[in-house]
């Protein structure tokens, strides 16, 4: 049985604190307005995090960018950590949507995996600094002490869909008999590692983002392809 990485505390009770059953249900006008304002706050925070680190961005800056008062922000989110956790979840959701769109027209397993890599690196190249923080901070979310449940669930969904794709590779005999969870985690770590190496060694001017997908694809297949097992 595949081990899931979502903390126990993230699993919601079938009944919420108000005694209502789970699920979206019908939102009132006030609830729809609150959801829309939360989206605006997240968009503002993501815009700031493109060029600044988490520690550099202040709640006041987020409030100004979203055109809300700080007091109202605290009605929508508990604190800055809560906003950042929601930003990580939103970014992960965007990443998954990008990969899904890219794979629609692809046919074979290798085509689909290549398309996924290409789309993800195109997503990364739009804002490498933010993408790097997303990969790094989400992987360490449990150590940061904020409410990272939603972000963890989004990451889990991304890994789950990747595992479905990797299972296709096992079914076609292109991937060896390795753990799907291991392969999906390594696949993600390879992408995060590229971003970190570029940041540390300032190699951005020598290698284009578009050059990485075929390199990582080859590295991944050398590690988990059937040719390695047969060697």
C-alpha atoms as a PDB file:
ATOM      1  CA  UNK A   1       0.000   0.000   0.000  1.00  0.00           C
ATOM      2  CA  UNK A   2       1.404   3.414  -1.004  1.00  0.00           C
ATOM      3  CA  UNK A   3       2.274   5.610   1.963  1.00  0.00           C
ATOM      4  CA  UNK A   4       0.701   9.056   1.824  1.00  0.00           C
ATOM      5  CA  UNK A   5       2.500  12.105   3.108  1.00  0.00           C
ATOM      6  CA  UNK A   6      -0.474  14.166   4.302  1.00  0.00           C
ATOM      7  CA  UNK A   7      -0.306  14.658   8.091  1.00  0.00           C
ATOM      8  CA  UNK A   8      -3.078  13.137  10.205  1.00  0.00           C
ATOM      9  CA  UNK A   9      -4.061  16.626  11.375  1.00  0.00           C
ATOM     10  CA  UNK A  10      -4.944  17.541   7.792  1.00  0.00           C
ATOM     11  CA  UNK A  11      -7.783  15.067   7.503  1.00  0.00           C
ATOM     12  CA  UNK A  12     -11.082  16.825   8.110  1.00  0.00           C
ATOM     13  CA  UNK A  13     -13.951  15.426  10.082  1.00  0.00           C
ATOM     14  CA  UNK A  14     -17.116  14.656   8.081  1.00  0.00           C
ATOM     15  CA  UNK A  15     -18.762  17.341  10.207  1.00  0.00           C
ATOM     16  CA  UNK A  16     -17.213  20.773  10.583  1.00  0.00           C
ATOM     17  CA  UNK A  17     -17.147  22.942  13.697  1.00  0.00           C
ATOM     18  CA  UNK A  18     -20.576  24.357  12.888  1.00  0.00           C
ATOM     19  CA  UNK A  19     -22.143  20.919  12.662  1.00  0.00           C
ATOM     20  CA  UNK A  20     -22.486  21.028   8.899  1.00  0.00           C
ATOM     21  CA  UNK A  21     -21.557  18.110   6.692  1.00  0.00           C
ATOM     22  CA  UNK A  22     -18.426  18.434   4.587  1.00  0.00           C
ATOM     23  CA  UNK A  23     -18.340  19.614   0.974  1.00  0.00           C
ATOM     24  CA  UNK A  24     -18.756  22.966  -0.708  1.00  0.00           C
ATOM     25  CA  UNK A  25     -22.553  23.080  -0.624  1.00  0.00           C
ATOM     26  CA  UNK A  26     -24.311  26.344  -1.345  1.00  0.00           C
ATOM     27  CA  UNK A  27     -22.295  29.472  -0.572  1.00  0.00           C
ATOM     28  CA  UNK A  28     -24.056  32.594   0.581  1.00  0.00           C
ATOM     29  CA  UNK A  29     -23.349  35.943  -1.035  1.00  0.00           C
ATOM     30  CA  UNK A  30     -21.104  36.877   1.887  1.00  0.00           C
ATOM     31  CA  UNK A  31     -19.175  33.606   1.564  1.00  0.00           C
ATOM     32  CA  UNK A  32     -18.743  34.088  -2.197  1.00  0.00           C
ATOM     33  CA  UNK A  33     -17.456  37.611  -1.585  1.00  0.00           C
ATOM     34  CA  UNK A  34     -15.033  36.349   1.060  1.00  0.00           C
ATOM     35  CA  UNK A  35     -13.739  33.653  -1.328  1.00  0.00           C
ATOM     36  CA  UNK A  36     -13.251  36.247  -4.064  1.00  0.00           C
ATOM     37  CA  UNK A  37     -11.351  38.530  -1.696  1.00  0.00           C
ATOM     38  CA  UNK A  38      -9.146  35.638  -0.616  1.00  0.00           C
ATOM     39  CA  UNK A  39      -8.295  35.021  -4.264  1.00  0.00           C
ATOM     40  CA  UNK A  40      -7.356  38.678  -4.631  1.00  0.00           C
ATOM     41  CA  UNK A  41      -5.105  38.519  -1.568  1.00  0.00           C
ATOM     42  CA  UNK A  42      -3.370  35.381  -2.880  1.00  0.00           C
ATOM     43  CA  UNK A  43      -2.847  36.975  -6.290  1.00  0.00           C
ATOM     44  CA  UNK A  44      -1.315  40.021  -4.605  1.00  0.00           C
ATOM     45  CA  UNK A  45       0.933  37.881  -2.403  1.00  0.00           C
ATOM     46  CA  UNK A  46       2.088  35.778  -5.356  1.00  0.00           C
ATOM     47  CA  UNK A  47       2.908  38.954  -7.269  1.00  0.00           C
ATOM     48  CA  UNK A  48       5.101  40.173  -4.418  1.00  0.00           C
ATOM     49  CA  UNK A  49       6.778  36.807  -3.927  1.00  0.00           C
ATOM     50  CA  UNK A  50       7.957  36.788  -7.530  1.00  0.00           C
ATOM     51  CA  UNK A  51      10.636  39.336  -6.658  1.00  0.00           C
ATOM     52  CA  UNK A  52      10.893  39.108  -2.849  1.00  0.00           C
ATOM     53  CA  UNK A  53      11.417  36.343  -0.318  1.00  0.00           C
ATOM     54  CA  UNK A  54       8.844  35.267   2.238  1.00  0.00           C
ATOM     55  CA  UNK A  55      10.686  37.150   4.987  1.00  0.00           C
ATOM     56  CA  UNK A  56      10.915  40.347   2.932  1.00  0.00           C
ATOM     57  CA  UNK A  57       7.207  40.515   2.139  1.00  0.00           C
ATOM     58  CA  UNK A  58       5.111  42.096   4.892  1.00  0.00           C
ATOM     59  CA  UNK A  59       1.406  41.809   5.636  1.00  0.00           C
ATOM     60  CA  UNK A  60       1.141  45.547   5.014  1.00  0.00           C
ATOM     61  CA  UNK A  61       2.597  45.109   1.524  1.00  0.00           C
ATOM     62  CA  UNK A  62       0.132  42.327   0.760  1.00  0.00           C
ATOM     63  CA  UNK A  63      -2.758  44.425   2.059  1.00  0.00           C
ATOM     64  CA  UNK A  64      -1.683  47.425  -0.043  1.00  0.00           C
ATOM     65  CA  UNK A  65      -1.273  45.316  -3.171  1.00  0.00           C
ATOM     66  CA  UNK A  66      -4.708  43.738  -2.673  1.00  0.00           C
ATOM     67  CA  UNK A  67      -6.202  47.137  -1.769  1.00  0.00           C
ATOM     68  CA  UNK A  68      -7.528  45.922   1.574  1.00  0.00           C
ATOM     69  CA  UNK A  69      -6.793  47.046   5.101  1.00  0.00           C
ATOM     70  CA  UNK A  70      -4.513  44.935   7.281  1.00  0.00           C
ATOM     71  CA  UNK A  71      -7.411  44.421   9.670  1.00  0.00           C
ATOM     72  CA  UNK A  72      -9.563  42.977   6.914  1.00  0.00           C
ATOM     73  CA  UNK A  73      -6.723  40.671   5.827  1.00  0.00           C
ATOM     74  CA  UNK A  74      -6.728  39.185   9.310  1.00  0.00           C
ATOM     75  CA  UNK A  75     -10.409  38.414   8.918  1.00  0.00           C
ATOM     76  CA  UNK A  76      -9.579  36.360   5.826  1.00  0.00           C
ATOM     77  CA  UNK A  77      -6.337  34.733   7.014  1.00  0.00           C
ATOM     78  CA  UNK A  78      -4.964  34.057  10.486  1.00  0.00           C
ATOM     79  CA  UNK A  79      -1.503  35.485   9.753  1.00  0.00           C
ATOM     80  CA  UNK A  80       1.200  35.779   7.086  1.00  0.00           C
ATOM     81  CA  UNK A  81       2.100  32.097   7.415  1.00  0.00           C
ATOM     82  CA  UNK A  82      -1.504  31.213   6.629  1.00  0.00           C
ATOM     83  CA  UNK A  83      -1.383  33.381   3.505  1.00  0.00           C
ATOM     84  CA  UNK A  84       1.891  31.805   2.403  1.00  0.00           C
ATOM     85  CA  UNK A  85       0.580  28.284   2.925  1.00  0.00           C
ATOM     86  CA  UNK A  86      -2.393  29.164   0.714  1.00  0.00           C
ATOM     87  CA  UNK A  87      -0.027  30.627  -1.890  1.00  0.00           C
ATOM     88  CA  UNK A  88       1.929  27.360  -1.965  1.00  0.00           C
ATOM     89  CA  UNK A  89      -1.301  25.431  -2.434  1.00  0.00           C
ATOM     90  CA  UNK A  90      -2.393  27.727  -5.268  1.00  0.00           C
ATOM     91  CA  UNK A  91       0.970  27.452  -7.009  1.00  0.00           C
ATOM     92  CA  UNK A  92       0.896  23.664  -6.750  1.00  0.00           C
ATOM     93  CA  UNK A  93      -2.612  23.630  -8.212  1.00  0.00           C
ATOM     94  CA  UNK A  94      -1.452  25.841 -11.113  1.00  0.00           C
ATOM     95  CA  UNK A  95       1.505  23.531 -11.720  1.00  0.00           C
ATOM     96  CA  UNK A  96      -0.749  20.485 -11.936  1.00  0.00           C
ATOM     97  CA  UNK A  97      -3.172  22.256 -14.286  1.00  0.00           C
ATOM     98  CA  UNK A  98      -0.259  23.244 -16.538  1.00  0.00           C
ATOM     99  CA  UNK A  99       0.975  19.652 -16.726  1.00  0.00           C
ATOM    100  CA  UNK A 100      -2.521  18.318 -17.440  1.00  0.00           C
ATOM    101  CA  UNK A 101      -3.048  20.692 -20.364  1.00  0.00           C
ATOM    102  CA  UNK A 102       0.301  19.781 -21.882  1.00  0.00           C
ATOM    103  CA  UNK A 103      -0.379  16.047 -21.822  1.00  0.00           C
ATOM    104  CA  UNK A 104      -3.817  16.154 -23.449  1.00  0.00           C
ATOM    105  CA  UNK A 105      -2.542  15.711 -27.010  1.00  0.00           C
ATOM    106  CA  UNK A 106       0.345  13.365 -26.170  1.00  0.00           C
ATOM    107  CA  UNK A 107      -0.129   9.676 -26.892  1.00  0.00           C
ATOM    108  CA  UNK A 108       2.596   7.362 -25.605  1.00  0.00           C
ATOM    109  CA  UNK A 109       4.028   7.245 -22.110  1.00  0.00           C
ATOM    110  CA  UNK A 110       7.315   8.809 -23.186  1.00  0.00           C
ATOM    111  CA  UNK A 111       5.505  11.584 -25.084  1.00  0.00           C
ATOM    112  CA  UNK A 112       3.348  12.352 -22.060  1.00  0.00           C
ATOM    113  CA  UNK A 113       6.282  12.382 -19.640  1.00  0.00           C
ATOM    114  CA  UNK A 114       8.258  14.644 -21.974  1.00  0.00           C
ATOM    115  CA  UNK A 115       5.304  16.999 -22.349  1.00  0.00           C
ATOM    116  CA  UNK A 116       4.888  17.125 -18.584  1.00  0.00           C
ATOM    117  CA  UNK A 117       8.548  18.045 -18.119  1.00  0.00           C
ATOM    118  CA  UNK A 118       8.454  20.671 -20.850  1.00  0.00           C
ATOM    119  CA  UNK A 119       5.328  22.310 -19.443  1.00  0.00           C
ATOM    120  CA  UNK A 120       6.654  22.345 -15.889  1.00  0.00           C
ATOM    121  CA  UNK A 121       9.935  23.945 -16.911  1.00  0.00           C
ATOM    122  CA  UNK A 122       8.050  26.511 -18.959  1.00  0.00           C
ATOM    123  CA  UNK A 123       6.049  27.246 -15.788  1.00  0.00           C
ATOM    124  CA  UNK A 124       9.272  27.462 -13.760  1.00  0.00           C
ATOM    125  CA  UNK A 125      10.985  29.756 -16.271  1.00  0.00           C
ATOM    126  CA  UNK A 126       8.221  32.351 -15.918  1.00  0.00           C
ATOM    127  CA  UNK A 127       9.344  32.997 -12.337  1.00  0.00           C
ATOM    128  CA  UNK A 128      12.336  30.869 -11.286  1.00  0.00           C
ATOM    129  CA  UNK A 129      12.766  32.484  -7.855  1.00  0.00           C
ATOM    130  CA  UNK A 130       9.153  31.903  -6.855  1.00  0.00           C
ATOM    131  CA  UNK A 131       9.115  28.392  -8.335  1.00  0.00           C
ATOM    132  CA  UNK A 132      12.258  27.538  -6.383  1.00  0.00           C
ATOM    133  CA  UNK A 133      10.718  28.682  -3.116  1.00  0.00           C
ATOM    134  CA  UNK A 134       7.568  26.727  -3.948  1.00  0.00           C
ATOM    135  CA  UNK A 135       9.477  23.468  -4.487  1.00  0.00           C
ATOM    136  CA  UNK A 136      11.784  24.026  -1.500  1.00  0.00           C
ATOM    137  CA  UNK A 137       9.319  25.352   1.069  1.00  0.00           C
ATOM    138  CA  UNK A 138       6.563  22.884   0.252  1.00  0.00           C
ATOM    139  CA  UNK A 139       8.997  20.017   0.720  1.00  0.00           C
ATOM    140  CA  UNK A 140       9.858  21.396   4.181  1.00  0.00           C
ATOM    141  CA  UNK A 141       6.407  22.696   5.094  1.00  0.00           C
ATOM    142  CA  UNK A 142       6.046  20.431   8.098  1.00  0.00           C
ATOM    143  CA  UNK A 143       9.142  21.968   9.686  1.00  0.00           C
ATOM    144  CA  UNK A 144       7.946  25.537   9.253  1.00  0.00           C
ATOM    145  CA  UNK A 145       5.146  25.347  11.743  1.00  0.00           C
ATOM    146  CA  UNK A 146       2.337  26.833   9.675  1.00  0.00           C
ATOM    147  CA  UNK A 147      -0.925  25.297   8.546  1.00  0.00           C
ATOM    148  CA  UNK A 148       0.314  23.535   5.434  1.00  0.00           C
ATOM    149  CA  UNK A 149      -2.510  21.021   5.082  1.00  0.00           C
ATOM    150  CA  UNK A 150      -4.031  22.461   1.901  1.00  0.00           C
ATOM    151  CA  UNK A 151      -0.612  22.801   0.272  1.00  0.00           C
ATOM    152  CA  UNK A 152       0.279  19.232   1.232  1.00  0.00           C
ATOM    153  CA  UNK A 153      -2.969  17.980  -0.258  1.00  0.00           C
ATOM    154  CA  UNK A 154      -2.257  19.795  -3.540  1.00  0.00           C
ATOM    155  CA  UNK A 155       1.236  18.351  -3.652  1.00  0.00           C
ATOM    156  CA  UNK A 156      -0.187  14.908  -2.921  1.00  0.00           C
ATOM    157  CA  UNK A 157      -2.582  15.281  -5.855  1.00  0.00           C
ATOM    158  CA  UNK A 158       0.298  16.225  -8.155  1.00  0.00           C
ATOM    159  CA  UNK A 159       2.300  13.198  -7.015  1.00  0.00           C
ATOM    160  CA  UNK A 160      -0.762  10.981  -7.369  1.00  0.00           C
ATOM    161  CA  UNK A 161      -1.299  11.994 -10.994  1.00  0.00           C
ATOM    162  CA  UNK A 162       2.392  11.530 -11.699  1.00  0.00           C
ATOM    163  CA  UNK A 163       2.161   8.027 -10.233  1.00  0.00           C
ATOM    164  CA  UNK A 164      -0.695   7.203 -12.615  1.00  0.00           C
ATOM    165  CA  UNK A 165       1.522   8.265 -15.511  1.00  0.00           C
ATOM    166  CA  UNK A 166       4.493   6.298 -14.170  1.00  0.00           C
ATOM    167  CA  UNK A 167       2.282   3.225 -13.838  1.00  0.00           C
ATOM    168  CA  UNK A 168       1.694   3.486 -17.584  1.00  0.00           C
ATOM    169  CA  UNK A 169       5.455   3.302 -18.024  1.00  0.00           C
ATOM    170  CA  UNK A 170       5.599   0.167 -15.898  1.00  0.00           C
ATOM    171  CA  UNK A 171       2.679  -1.364 -17.812  1.00  0.00           C
ATOM    172  CA  UNK A 172       4.397  -0.757 -21.168  1.00  0.00           C
ATOM    173  CA  UNK A 173       7.673  -2.175 -19.877  1.00  0.00           C
ATOM    174  CA  UNK A 174       9.547   1.132 -20.191  1.00  0.00           C
ATOM    175  CA  UNK A 175       9.999   1.524 -16.428  1.00  0.00           C
ATOM    176  CA  UNK A 176      11.286  -1.128 -14.070  1.00  0.00           C
ATOM    177  CA  UNK A 177       9.554  -2.631 -11.073  1.00  0.00           C
ATOM    178  CA  UNK A 178      10.201   0.243  -8.702  1.00  0.00           C
ATOM    179  CA  UNK A 179       7.964   1.947  -6.152  1.00  0.00           C
ATOM    180  CA  UNK A 180       5.684   4.533  -7.757  1.00  0.00           C
ATOM    181  CA  UNK A 181       6.067   6.798  -4.741  1.00  0.00           C
ATOM    182  CA  UNK A 182       9.849   6.617  -4.895  1.00  0.00           C
ATOM    183  CA  UNK A 183       9.883   7.425  -8.600  1.00  0.00           C
ATOM    184  CA  UNK A 184       7.421  10.316  -8.273  1.00  0.00           C
ATOM    185  CA  UNK A 185       9.345  11.857  -5.380  1.00  0.00           C
ATOM    186  CA  UNK A 186      12.661  11.533  -7.233  1.00  0.00           C
ATOM    187  CA  UNK A 187      11.085  13.005 -10.371  1.00  0.00           C
ATOM    188  CA  UNK A 188       9.958  16.047  -8.384  1.00  0.00           C
ATOM    189  CA  UNK A 189      13.277  16.314  -6.540  1.00  0.00           C
ATOM    190  CA  UNK A 190      15.170  16.407  -9.846  1.00  0.00           C
ATOM    191  CA  UNK A 191      13.215  19.503 -10.906  1.00  0.00           C
ATOM    192  CA  UNK A 192      13.674  21.199  -7.553  1.00  0.00           C
ATOM    193  CA  UNK A 193      17.372  20.353  -7.637  1.00  0.00           C
ATOM    194  CA  UNK A 194      17.837  22.027 -11.010  1.00  0.00           C
ATOM    195  CA  UNK A 195      16.308  25.263  -9.732  1.00  0.00           C
ATOM    196  CA  UNK A 196      18.503  25.220  -6.635  1.00  0.00           C
ATOM    197  CA  UNK A 197      21.706  24.501  -8.582  1.00  0.00           C
ATOM    198  CA  UNK A 198      21.010  27.356 -10.974  1.00  0.00           C
ATOM    199  CA  UNK A 199      20.485  29.676  -8.033  1.00  0.00           C
ATOM    200  CA  UNK A 200      23.619  28.583  -6.192  1.00  0.00           C
ATOM    201  CA  UNK A 201      26.012  28.545  -9.144  1.00  0.00           C
ATOM    202  CA  UNK A 202      24.457  31.291 -11.283  1.00  0.00           C
ATOM    203  CA  UNK A 203      24.431  29.162 -14.434  1.00  0.00           C
ATOM    204  CA  UNK A 204      21.276  30.677 -15.899  1.00  0.00           C
ATOM    205  CA  UNK A 205      23.081  32.468 -18.702  1.00  0.00           C
ATOM    206  CA  UNK A 206      24.740  29.256 -19.941  1.00  0.00           C
ATOM    207  CA  UNK A 207      21.784  26.864 -20.008  1.00  0.00           C
ATOM    208  CA  UNK A 208      18.277  27.700 -21.145  1.00  0.00           C
ATOM    209  CA  UNK A 209      15.340  26.322 -19.168  1.00  0.00           C
ATOM    210  CA  UNK A 210      14.137  24.557 -22.315  1.00  0.00           C
ATOM    211  CA  UNK A 211      17.335  22.448 -22.352  1.00  0.00           C
ATOM    212  CA  UNK A 212      16.555  20.700 -19.068  1.00  0.00           C
ATOM    213  CA  UNK A 213      13.554  18.471 -19.944  1.00  0.00           C
ATOM    214  CA  UNK A 214      15.464  16.062 -22.244  1.00  0.00           C
ATOM    215  CA  UNK A 215      18.382  15.967 -19.789  1.00  0.00           C
ATOM    216  CA  UNK A 216      16.198  15.087 -16.811  1.00  0.00           C
ATOM    217  CA  UNK A 217      14.188  12.651 -18.898  1.00  0.00           C
ATOM    218  CA  UNK A 218      17.399  10.788 -19.747  1.00  0.00           C
ATOM    219  CA  UNK A 219      18.607  10.843 -16.136  1.00  0.00           C
ATOM    220  CA  UNK A 220      15.268   9.501 -14.917  1.00  0.00           C
ATOM    221  CA  UNK A 221      15.164   6.664 -17.446  1.00  0.00           C
ATOM    222  CA  UNK A 222      18.765   5.699 -16.692  1.00  0.00           C
ATOM    223  CA  UNK A 223      17.779   5.354 -13.038  1.00  0.00           C
ATOM    224  CA  UNK A 224      14.390   3.667 -13.412  1.00  0.00           C
ATOM    225  CA  UNK A 225      14.137   2.360 -16.957  1.00  0.00           C
ATOM    226  CA  UNK A 226      14.084  -1.348 -17.753  1.00  0.00           C
ATOM    227  CA  UNK A 227      17.420  -1.087 -19.560  1.00  0.00           C
ATOM    228  CA  UNK A 228      19.070  -0.379 -16.208  1.00  0.00           C
ATOM    229  CA  UNK A 229      17.516  -3.465 -14.653  1.00  0.00           C
ATOM    230  CA  UNK A 230      18.611  -5.634 -17.587  1.00  0.00           C
ATOM    231  CA  UNK A 231      22.177  -4.338 -17.488  1.00  0.00           C
END
